[in-house]
């Protein structure tokens, strides 16, 4: 497995993502197997966009598929930044 060394302390801004509202699912697909599936080819680092009904095409003999059917716990975590004393919400 490859390792990465972090040269500096990560900043909160490093994790800020601008995602257009239209790309954020607001409700499940009517046909769940038509939900989108992003696939990374680790051999050439190519990213492909597919659907969940195509999942079996990406599995090989001996692969392990782990399913997670947990739900999001409705909770918020509030914190204070050390340097600025700014109040932040982590969710």
N, C-alpha and C. Protein backbone atom coordinates (compact mmCIF):
# COMPACT_ATOMS: atom_id res chain seq x y z
N UNK A 1 0.84 -1.17 0.00
CA UNK A 1 0.00 0.00 0.00
C UNK A 1 0.89 1.24 0.00
N UNK A 2 0.50 2.24 -0.78
CA UNK A 2 1.25 3.49 -0.82
C UNK A 2 0.95 4.31 0.42
N UNK A 3 1.92 5.11 0.83
CA UNK A 3 1.71 6.02 1.96
C UNK A 3 1.95 7.44 1.50
N UNK A 4 1.34 8.36 2.19
CA UNK A 4 1.49 9.78 1.87
C UNK A 4 1.90 10.50 3.14
N UNK A 5 2.87 11.37 3.02
CA UNK A 5 3.30 12.19 4.15
C UNK A 5 2.69 13.57 4.00
N UNK A 6 2.05 14.03 5.05
CA UNK A 6 1.47 15.37 5.05
C UNK A 6 2.51 16.33 5.59
N UNK A 7 2.88 17.30 4.77
CA UNK A 7 3.94 18.24 5.14
C UNK A 7 3.46 19.33 6.10
N UNK A 8 2.17 19.63 6.06
CA UNK A 8 1.66 20.68 6.93
C UNK A 8 0.32 20.25 7.51
N UNK A 9 -0.09 20.91 8.54
CA UNK A 9 -1.37 20.60 9.17
C UNK A 9 -2.51 20.97 8.22
N UNK A 10 -3.43 20.05 7.98
CA UNK A 10 -4.56 20.37 7.10
C UNK A 10 -5.37 21.54 7.66
N UNK A 11 -5.88 22.36 6.76
CA UNK A 11 -6.74 23.48 7.15
C UNK A 11 -8.19 23.11 6.84
N UNK A 12 -9.10 23.70 7.56
CA UNK A 12 -10.52 23.45 7.32
C UNK A 12 -10.87 23.75 5.87
N UNK A 13 -10.27 24.78 5.30
CA UNK A 13 -10.56 25.16 3.92
C UNK A 13 -10.12 24.08 2.93
N UNK A 14 -9.21 23.21 3.33
CA UNK A 14 -8.78 22.12 2.45
C UNK A 14 -9.93 21.16 2.14
N UNK A 15 -10.94 21.17 2.99
CA UNK A 15 -12.04 20.23 2.84
C UNK A 15 -13.32 20.89 2.32
N UNK A 16 -13.25 22.16 1.97
CA UNK A 16 -14.42 22.88 1.48
C UNK A 16 -14.65 22.49 0.02
N UNK A 17 -15.83 22.01 -0.28
CA UNK A 17 -16.18 21.61 -1.64
C UNK A 17 -17.34 22.45 -2.13
N UNK A 18 -17.24 22.93 -3.33
CA UNK A 18 -18.34 23.65 -3.96
C UNK A 18 -19.04 22.66 -4.88
N UNK A 19 -20.17 22.16 -4.44
CA UNK A 19 -20.92 21.18 -5.23
C UNK A 19 -22.24 21.82 -5.64
N UNK A 20 -22.50 21.88 -6.95
CA UNK A 20 -23.76 22.46 -7.41
C UNK A 20 -24.96 21.71 -6.82
N UNK A 21 -25.95 22.44 -6.41
CA UNK A 21 -27.15 21.85 -5.79
C UNK A 21 -27.76 20.77 -6.67
N UNK A 22 -27.72 20.97 -7.99
CA UNK A 22 -28.34 20.02 -8.92
C UNK A 22 -27.65 18.66 -8.91
N UNK A 23 -26.41 18.59 -8.38
CA UNK A 23 -25.68 17.33 -8.34
C UNK A 23 -25.84 16.58 -7.01
N UNK A 24 -26.55 17.17 -6.07
CA UNK A 24 -26.75 16.55 -4.77
C UNK A 24 -28.13 15.88 -4.75
N UNK A 25 -28.13 14.58 -4.54
CA UNK A 25 -29.40 13.83 -4.53
C UNK A 25 -30.29 14.34 -3.41
N UNK A 26 -31.52 14.67 -3.74
CA UNK A 26 -32.48 15.14 -2.76
C UNK A 26 -33.39 14.01 -2.30
N UNK A 27 -33.47 12.96 -3.11
CA UNK A 27 -34.29 11.79 -2.79
C UNK A 27 -33.76 10.62 -3.61
N UNK A 28 -34.05 9.39 -3.20
CA UNK A 28 -33.55 8.22 -3.93
C UNK A 28 -34.15 8.14 -5.34
N UNK A 29 -33.41 7.51 -6.24
CA UNK A 29 -33.93 7.26 -7.59
C UNK A 29 -35.15 6.37 -7.50
N UNK A 30 -36.10 6.59 -8.40
CA UNK A 30 -37.29 5.74 -8.42
C UNK A 30 -36.88 4.29 -8.65
N UNK A 31 -35.97 4.08 -9.58
CA UNK A 31 -35.40 2.75 -9.81
C UNK A 31 -34.02 2.76 -9.17
N UNK A 32 -33.91 2.14 -8.01
CA UNK A 32 -32.67 2.21 -7.22
C UNK A 32 -31.46 1.71 -7.98
N UNK A 33 -31.63 0.73 -8.85
CA UNK A 33 -30.48 0.22 -9.60
C UNK A 33 -30.00 1.21 -10.66
N UNK A 34 -30.74 2.28 -10.88
CA UNK A 34 -30.31 3.33 -11.82
C UNK A 34 -29.56 4.46 -11.11
N UNK A 35 -29.30 4.29 -9.82
CA UNK A 35 -28.48 5.27 -9.10
C UNK A 35 -27.09 5.28 -9.73
N UNK A 36 -26.46 6.44 -9.67
CA UNK A 36 -25.14 6.57 -10.30
C UNK A 36 -24.06 5.88 -9.48
N UNK A 37 -23.05 5.40 -10.18
CA UNK A 37 -21.94 4.67 -9.58
C UNK A 37 -20.64 5.18 -10.19
N UNK A 38 -19.75 5.67 -9.35
CA UNK A 38 -18.44 6.11 -9.83
C UNK A 38 -17.45 4.97 -9.60
N UNK A 39 -16.69 4.64 -10.64
CA UNK A 39 -15.75 3.52 -10.59
C UNK A 39 -14.35 4.03 -10.88
N UNK A 40 -13.40 3.67 -10.01
CA UNK A 40 -12.00 4.02 -10.21
C UNK A 40 -11.24 2.79 -10.67
N UNK A 41 -10.61 2.89 -11.83
CA UNK A 41 -9.73 1.82 -12.31
C UNK A 41 -8.36 2.09 -11.72
N UNK A 42 -7.99 1.29 -10.72
CA UNK A 42 -6.73 1.55 -10.01
C UNK A 42 -5.51 1.28 -10.88
N UNK A 43 -5.68 0.55 -11.97
CA UNK A 43 -4.57 0.27 -12.86
C UNK A 43 -4.08 1.51 -13.60
N UNK A 44 -5.03 2.31 -14.07
CA UNK A 44 -4.65 3.51 -14.81
C UNK A 44 -5.23 4.80 -14.21
N UNK A 45 -5.85 4.68 -13.05
CA UNK A 45 -6.44 5.79 -12.31
C UNK A 45 -7.54 6.51 -13.09
N UNK A 46 -8.17 5.81 -14.03
CA UNK A 46 -9.27 6.38 -14.79
C UNK A 46 -10.55 6.31 -13.96
N UNK A 47 -11.35 7.35 -14.03
CA UNK A 47 -12.63 7.40 -13.33
C UNK A 47 -13.74 7.22 -14.36
N UNK A 48 -14.63 6.28 -14.08
CA UNK A 48 -15.76 6.03 -14.97
C UNK A 48 -17.07 6.29 -14.26
N UNK A 49 -18.06 6.74 -15.00
CA UNK A 49 -19.39 7.02 -14.44
C UNK A 49 -20.36 5.98 -15.00
N UNK A 50 -20.98 5.25 -14.09
CA UNK A 50 -21.84 4.14 -14.47
C UNK A 50 -23.10 4.17 -13.62
N UNK A 51 -23.85 3.05 -13.66
CA UNK A 51 -25.05 2.88 -12.84
C UNK A 51 -24.88 1.61 -12.01
N UNK A 52 -25.61 1.53 -10.89
CA UNK A 52 -25.46 0.38 -10.00
C UNK A 52 -25.84 -0.94 -10.66
N UNK A 53 -26.72 -0.93 -11.64
CA UNK A 53 -27.05 -2.20 -12.29
C UNK A 53 -25.84 -2.77 -13.04
N UNK A 54 -24.80 -1.95 -13.26
CA UNK A 54 -23.58 -2.41 -13.92
C UNK A 54 -22.55 -2.97 -12.94
N UNK A 55 -22.82 -2.91 -11.65
CA UNK A 55 -21.85 -3.32 -10.63
C UNK A 55 -21.25 -4.71 -10.87
N UNK A 56 -22.03 -5.73 -11.21
CA UNK A 56 -21.43 -7.06 -11.40
C UNK A 56 -20.31 -7.08 -12.45
N UNK A 57 -20.33 -6.16 -13.40
CA UNK A 57 -19.29 -6.11 -14.43
C UNK A 57 -17.92 -5.74 -13.84
N UNK A 58 -17.91 -5.14 -12.67
CA UNK A 58 -16.66 -4.66 -12.07
C UNK A 58 -16.13 -5.60 -10.99
N UNK A 59 -16.85 -6.67 -10.70
CA UNK A 59 -16.44 -7.59 -9.65
C UNK A 59 -15.79 -8.83 -10.26
N UNK A 60 -14.71 -9.27 -9.65
CA UNK A 60 -14.00 -10.46 -10.09
C UNK A 60 -14.15 -11.57 -9.06
N UNK A 61 -13.87 -12.80 -9.46
CA UNK A 61 -13.89 -13.94 -8.55
C UNK A 61 -13.01 -13.64 -7.34
N UNK A 62 -13.54 -13.83 -6.14
CA UNK A 62 -12.78 -13.60 -4.92
C UNK A 62 -12.91 -12.20 -4.35
N UNK A 63 -13.52 -11.27 -5.09
CA UNK A 63 -13.73 -9.93 -4.55
C UNK A 63 -14.71 -9.98 -3.38
N UNK A 64 -14.60 -9.03 -2.50
CA UNK A 64 -15.51 -8.91 -1.36
C UNK A 64 -16.30 -7.63 -1.52
N UNK A 65 -17.60 -7.72 -1.39
CA UNK A 65 -18.47 -6.56 -1.48
C UNK A 65 -19.08 -6.33 -0.10
N UNK A 66 -18.84 -5.16 0.47
CA UNK A 66 -19.35 -4.82 1.79
C UNK A 66 -20.51 -3.85 1.61
N UNK A 67 -21.65 -4.19 2.18
CA UNK A 67 -22.84 -3.34 2.09
C UNK A 67 -23.03 -2.59 3.40
N UNK A 68 -23.40 -1.34 3.29
CA UNK A 68 -23.64 -0.50 4.46
C UNK A 68 -25.06 0.05 4.34
N UNK A 69 -25.93 -0.40 5.22
CA UNK A 69 -27.31 0.07 5.16
C UNK A 69 -27.66 0.96 6.36
N UNK A 70 -26.65 1.61 6.91
CA UNK A 70 -26.89 2.49 8.05
C UNK A 70 -27.54 3.79 7.59
N UNK A 71 -28.12 4.47 8.52
CA UNK A 71 -28.74 5.77 8.22
C UNK A 71 -27.94 6.87 8.92
N UNK A 72 -28.12 8.07 8.43
CA UNK A 72 -27.43 9.22 9.02
C UNK A 72 -28.09 9.56 10.34
N UNK A 73 -27.28 9.72 11.37
CA UNK A 73 -27.79 10.12 12.68
C UNK A 73 -27.95 11.64 12.67
N UNK A 74 -29.13 12.15 12.97
CA UNK A 74 -29.36 13.60 12.91
C UNK A 74 -28.70 14.33 14.09
N UNK A 75 -27.43 14.63 13.94
CA UNK A 75 -26.70 15.31 15.01
C UNK A 75 -25.74 16.32 14.41
N UNK A 76 -25.38 17.31 15.21
CA UNK A 76 -24.43 18.33 14.78
C UNK A 76 -23.36 18.46 15.84
N UNK A 77 -22.18 18.78 15.39
CA UNK A 77 -21.05 18.96 16.28
C UNK A 77 -20.56 20.39 16.13
N UNK A 78 -20.55 21.12 17.22
CA UNK A 78 -20.09 22.51 17.21
C UNK A 78 -18.70 22.57 17.83
N UNK A 79 -17.87 23.45 17.29
CA UNK A 79 -16.51 23.59 17.80
C UNK A 79 -16.08 25.05 17.70
N UNK A 80 -14.97 25.36 18.34
CA UNK A 80 -14.39 26.70 18.30
C UNK A 80 -12.97 26.59 17.77
N UNK A 81 -12.65 27.42 16.77
CA UNK A 81 -11.30 27.43 16.22
C UNK A 81 -10.33 27.99 17.25
N UNK A 82 -9.18 27.36 17.37
CA UNK A 82 -8.18 27.79 18.36
C UNK A 82 -7.69 29.21 18.10
N UNK A 83 -7.29 29.49 16.88
CA UNK A 83 -6.65 30.78 16.58
C UNK A 83 -7.60 31.96 16.57
N UNK A 84 -8.80 31.76 16.03
CA UNK A 84 -9.71 32.90 15.84
C UNK A 84 -10.89 32.91 16.78
N UNK A 85 -11.10 31.83 17.49
CA UNK A 85 -12.25 31.67 18.39
C UNK A 85 -13.57 31.67 17.62
N UNK A 86 -13.49 31.49 16.30
CA UNK A 86 -14.71 31.44 15.48
C UNK A 86 -15.48 30.16 15.79
N UNK A 87 -16.79 30.28 15.82
CA UNK A 87 -17.65 29.13 16.04
C UNK A 87 -17.87 28.43 14.71
N UNK A 88 -17.70 27.11 14.68
CA UNK A 88 -17.94 26.36 13.45
C UNK A 88 -18.84 25.18 13.74
N UNK A 89 -19.48 24.71 12.70
CA UNK A 89 -20.34 23.54 12.79
C UNK A 89 -19.77 22.48 11.86
N UNK A 90 -19.56 21.29 12.39
CA UNK A 90 -19.04 20.18 11.60
C UNK A 90 -20.18 19.20 11.40
N UNK A 91 -20.45 18.87 10.15
CA UNK A 91 -21.53 17.92 9.89
C UNK A 91 -21.17 17.00 8.77
